[in-house]
C-alpha atoms as a PDB file:
ATOM      1  CA  MET A   1      -7.893 -18.319   4.187  1.00  0.00           C
ATOM      2  CA  ILE A   2      -8.957 -15.601   1.789  1.00  0.00           C
ATOM      3  CA  ASP A   3     -11.147 -12.670   2.747  1.00  0.00           C
ATOM      4  CA  ALA A   4     -12.297  -9.868   0.482  1.00  0.00           C
ATOM      5  CA  ILE A   5     -14.183  -6.637   1.011  1.00  0.00           C
ATOM      6  CA  LEU A   6     -15.729  -3.852  -1.057  1.00  0.00           C
ATOM      7  CA  TRP A   7     -16.619  -0.526   0.476  1.00  0.00           C
ATOM      8  CA  ARG A   8     -17.356   3.026  -0.538  1.00  0.00           C
ATOM      9  CA  ARG A   9     -16.334   6.372   0.818  1.00  0.00           C
ATOM     10  CA  LEU A  10     -18.942   8.298   2.735  1.00  0.00           C
ATOM     11  CA  ASP A  11     -17.430  11.767   2.435  1.00  0.00           C
ATOM     12  CA  ALA A  12     -16.862  11.786  -1.359  1.00  0.00           C
ATOM     13  CA  PRO A  13     -17.315   9.515  -4.402  1.00  0.00           C
ATOM     14  CA  GLY A  14     -15.007   6.515  -4.282  1.00  0.00           C
ATOM     15  CA  HIS A  15     -14.695   2.783  -3.742  1.00  0.00           C
ATOM     16  CA  ASP A  16     -12.066   0.372  -2.519  1.00  0.00           C
ATOM     17  CA  SER A  17     -11.838  -3.369  -2.941  1.00  0.00           C
ATOM     18  CA  ALA A  18      -9.263  -5.414  -1.044  1.00  0.00           C
ATOM     19  CA  ARG A  19      -8.261  -9.013  -0.535  1.00  0.00           C
ATOM     20  CA  LEU A  20      -6.371 -10.505   2.423  1.00  0.00           C
ATOM     21  CA  PHE A  21      -4.764 -13.928   2.161  1.00  0.00           C
ATOM     22  CA  PHE A  22      -2.011 -16.019   3.754  1.00  0.00           C
ATOM     23  CA  HIS A  23       0.633 -17.524   1.433  1.00  0.00           C
ATOM     24  CA  ASP A  24       4.223 -18.723   1.968  1.00  0.00           C
ATOM     25  CA  SER A  25       4.158 -17.800   5.678  1.00  0.00           C
ATOM     26  CA  GLN A  26       3.145 -14.207   4.890  1.00  0.00           C
ATOM     27  CA  TRP A  27      -0.026 -12.153   4.916  1.00  0.00           C
ATOM     28  CA  HIS A  28      -0.811 -10.342   1.670  1.00  0.00           C
ATOM     29  CA  LEU A  29      -3.204  -7.417   1.382  1.00  0.00           C
ATOM     30  CA  THR A  30      -3.941  -6.380  -2.206  1.00  0.00           C
ATOM     31  CA  GLY A  31      -6.498  -3.917  -3.412  1.00  0.00           C
ATOM     32  CA  THR A  32      -7.563  -1.035  -5.577  1.00  0.00           C
ATOM     33  CA  ALA A  33      -8.919   2.356  -4.569  1.00  0.00           C
ATOM     34  CA  VAL A  34     -10.833   4.513  -7.079  1.00  0.00           C
ATOM     35  CA  PHE A  35     -11.738   8.041  -6.021  1.00  0.00           C
ATOM     36  CA  THR A  36     -11.437  11.723  -6.896  1.00  0.00           C
ATOM     37  CA  GLU A  37      -8.903  14.136  -5.466  1.00  0.00           C
ATOM     38  CA  ALA A  38      -8.939  17.842  -6.363  1.00  0.00           C
ATOM     39  CA  GLN A  39     -11.647  17.015  -8.934  1.00  0.00           C
ATOM     40  CA  ARG A  40      -9.370  14.552 -10.758  1.00  0.00           C
ATOM     41  CA  PRO A  41      -9.960  10.804 -11.104  1.00  0.00           C
ATOM     42  CA  CYS A  42      -7.510   8.628  -9.182  1.00  0.00           C
ATOM     43  CA  ARG A  43      -6.772   4.922  -9.140  1.00  0.00           C
ATOM     44  CA  LEU A  44      -4.291   3.312  -6.773  1.00  0.00           C
ATOM     45  CA  ASP A  45      -3.451  -0.385  -6.690  1.00  0.00           C
ATOM     46  CA  TYR A  46      -1.664  -1.466  -3.532  1.00  0.00           C
ATOM     47  CA  ARG A  47       0.075  -4.495  -2.098  1.00  0.00           C
ATOM     48  CA  VAL A  48       1.231  -4.911   1.503  1.00  0.00           C
ATOM     49  CA  VAL A  49       3.175  -7.941   2.729  1.00  0.00           C
ATOM     50  CA  CYS A  50       3.328  -8.845   6.430  1.00  0.00           C
ATOM     51  CA  ASP A  51       5.024 -11.687   8.236  1.00  0.00           C
ATOM     52  CA  GLU A  52       3.137 -13.994  10.586  1.00  0.00           C
ATOM     53  CA  SER A  53       3.451 -11.454  13.429  1.00  0.00           C
ATOM     54  CA  TRP A  54       2.071  -8.656  11.204  1.00  0.00           C
ATOM     55  CA  GLN A  55       5.417  -6.870  10.715  1.00  0.00           C
ATOM     56  CA  THR A  56       5.528  -5.222   7.279  1.00  0.00           C
ATOM     57  CA  PRO A  57       8.787  -5.569   5.321  1.00  0.00           C
ATOM     58  CA  SER A  58       7.464  -4.289   1.988  1.00  0.00           C
ATOM     59  CA  GLY A  59       4.641  -2.848  -0.012  1.00  0.00           C
ATOM     60  CA  ALA A  60       3.870  -1.272  -3.352  1.00  0.00           C
ATOM     61  CA  VAL A  61       1.555   1.368  -4.800  1.00  0.00           C
ATOM     62  CA  THR A  62       0.919   1.813  -8.526  1.00  0.00           C
ATOM     63  CA  GLY A  63      -1.634   3.820 -10.469  1.00  0.00           C
ATOM     64  CA  TRP A  64      -2.382   7.444 -11.053  1.00  0.00           C
ATOM     65  CA  PRO A  65      -3.288  10.074  -8.492  1.00  0.00           C
ATOM     66  CA  GLY A  66      -4.654  12.674 -10.887  1.00  0.00           C
ATOM     67  CA  ILE A  67      -2.676  12.989 -14.096  1.00  0.00           C
ATOM     68  CA  ARG A  68       0.676  11.533 -13.081  1.00  0.00           C
ATOM     69  CA  ALA A  69       1.507   7.838 -12.994  1.00  0.00           C
ATOM     70  CA  ILE A  70       3.257   6.285  -9.999  1.00  0.00           C
ATOM     71  CA  ASN A  71       4.954   2.952  -9.404  1.00  0.00           C
ATOM     72  CA  LEU A  72       6.389   2.749  -5.882  1.00  0.00           C
ATOM     73  CA  GLU A  73       8.104  -0.212  -4.220  1.00  0.00           C
ATOM     74  CA  LEU A  74       8.357   0.496  -0.488  1.00  0.00           C
ATOM     75  CA  ARG A  75      10.685  -1.260   1.937  1.00  0.00           C
ATOM     76  CA  ALA A  76      10.617  -1.126   5.725  1.00  0.00           C
ATOM     77  CA  ASN A  77      13.142  -2.039   8.389  1.00  0.00           C
ATOM     78  CA  ALA A  78      12.533  -4.452  11.276  1.00  0.00           C
ATOM     79  CA  GLY A  79      10.907  -1.644  13.282  1.00  0.00           C
ATOM     80  CA  GLY A  80       8.352  -1.003  10.547  1.00  0.00           C
ATOM     81  CA  PHE A  81       9.898   2.304   9.442  1.00  0.00           C
ATOM     82  CA  VAL A  82       9.778   2.806   5.663  1.00  0.00           C
ATOM     83  CA  THR A  83      13.426   3.064   4.601  1.00  0.00           C
ATOM     84  CA  VAL A  84      12.886   3.493   0.846  1.00  0.00           C
ATOM     85  CA  TYR A  85      10.209   5.788  -0.563  1.00  0.00           C
ATOM     86  CA  PRO A  86      11.104   6.166  -4.273  1.00  0.00           C
ATOM     87  CA  GLY A  87      11.154   9.715  -5.562  1.00  0.00           C
ATOM     88  CA  LEU A  88      10.889  11.239  -2.083  1.00  0.00           C
ATOM     89  CA  TRP A  89      13.626   9.888   0.173  1.00  0.00           C
ATOM     90  CA  GLN A  90      15.729   6.953   1.298  1.00  0.00           C
ATOM     91  CA  ALA A  91      17.127   6.377   4.768  1.00  0.00           C
ATOM     92  CA  GLU A  92      20.898   6.899   4.781  1.00  0.00           C
ATOM     93  CA  ALA A  93      21.595   4.831   7.871  1.00  0.00           C
ATOM     94  CA  GLU A  94      19.701   2.753  10.381  1.00  0.00           C
ATOM     95  CA  THR A  95      20.350   2.825  14.103  1.00  0.00           C
ATOM     96  CA  THR A  96      19.386   0.296  16.734  1.00  0.00           C
ATOM     97  CA  ALA A  97      18.385   1.146  20.266  1.00  0.00           C
END
C-alpha cells in the first residue's frame, strides 16, 4: 500500500507533499515541506518510521529552516519519548514505571 498527498497551507504560503507506505513490517512516512518563516524560505525533508502498532522508534529531518542547514536523526524509546535530539539534548537515563 502506498498513499501520497499534496496540500497547501491556508494561513501563509507553503506546501507539503508526503508519502505513506508499509515496508519490512514498518510504516514509513516521508515528505517535504516548503514554506516561509520570518520572511525566509524554508525546506524540510522528513522521515518517520513506525512499527506495525504505530510506535515510532526513529525519524529524521534535513533541510534548511531559513539560512542554516540541519540534518537531524531522532531516536525514541519504547514509550515514544525522543531520547536523542542532536544539537539540543540527549536523555541521560531512562526509567521504567
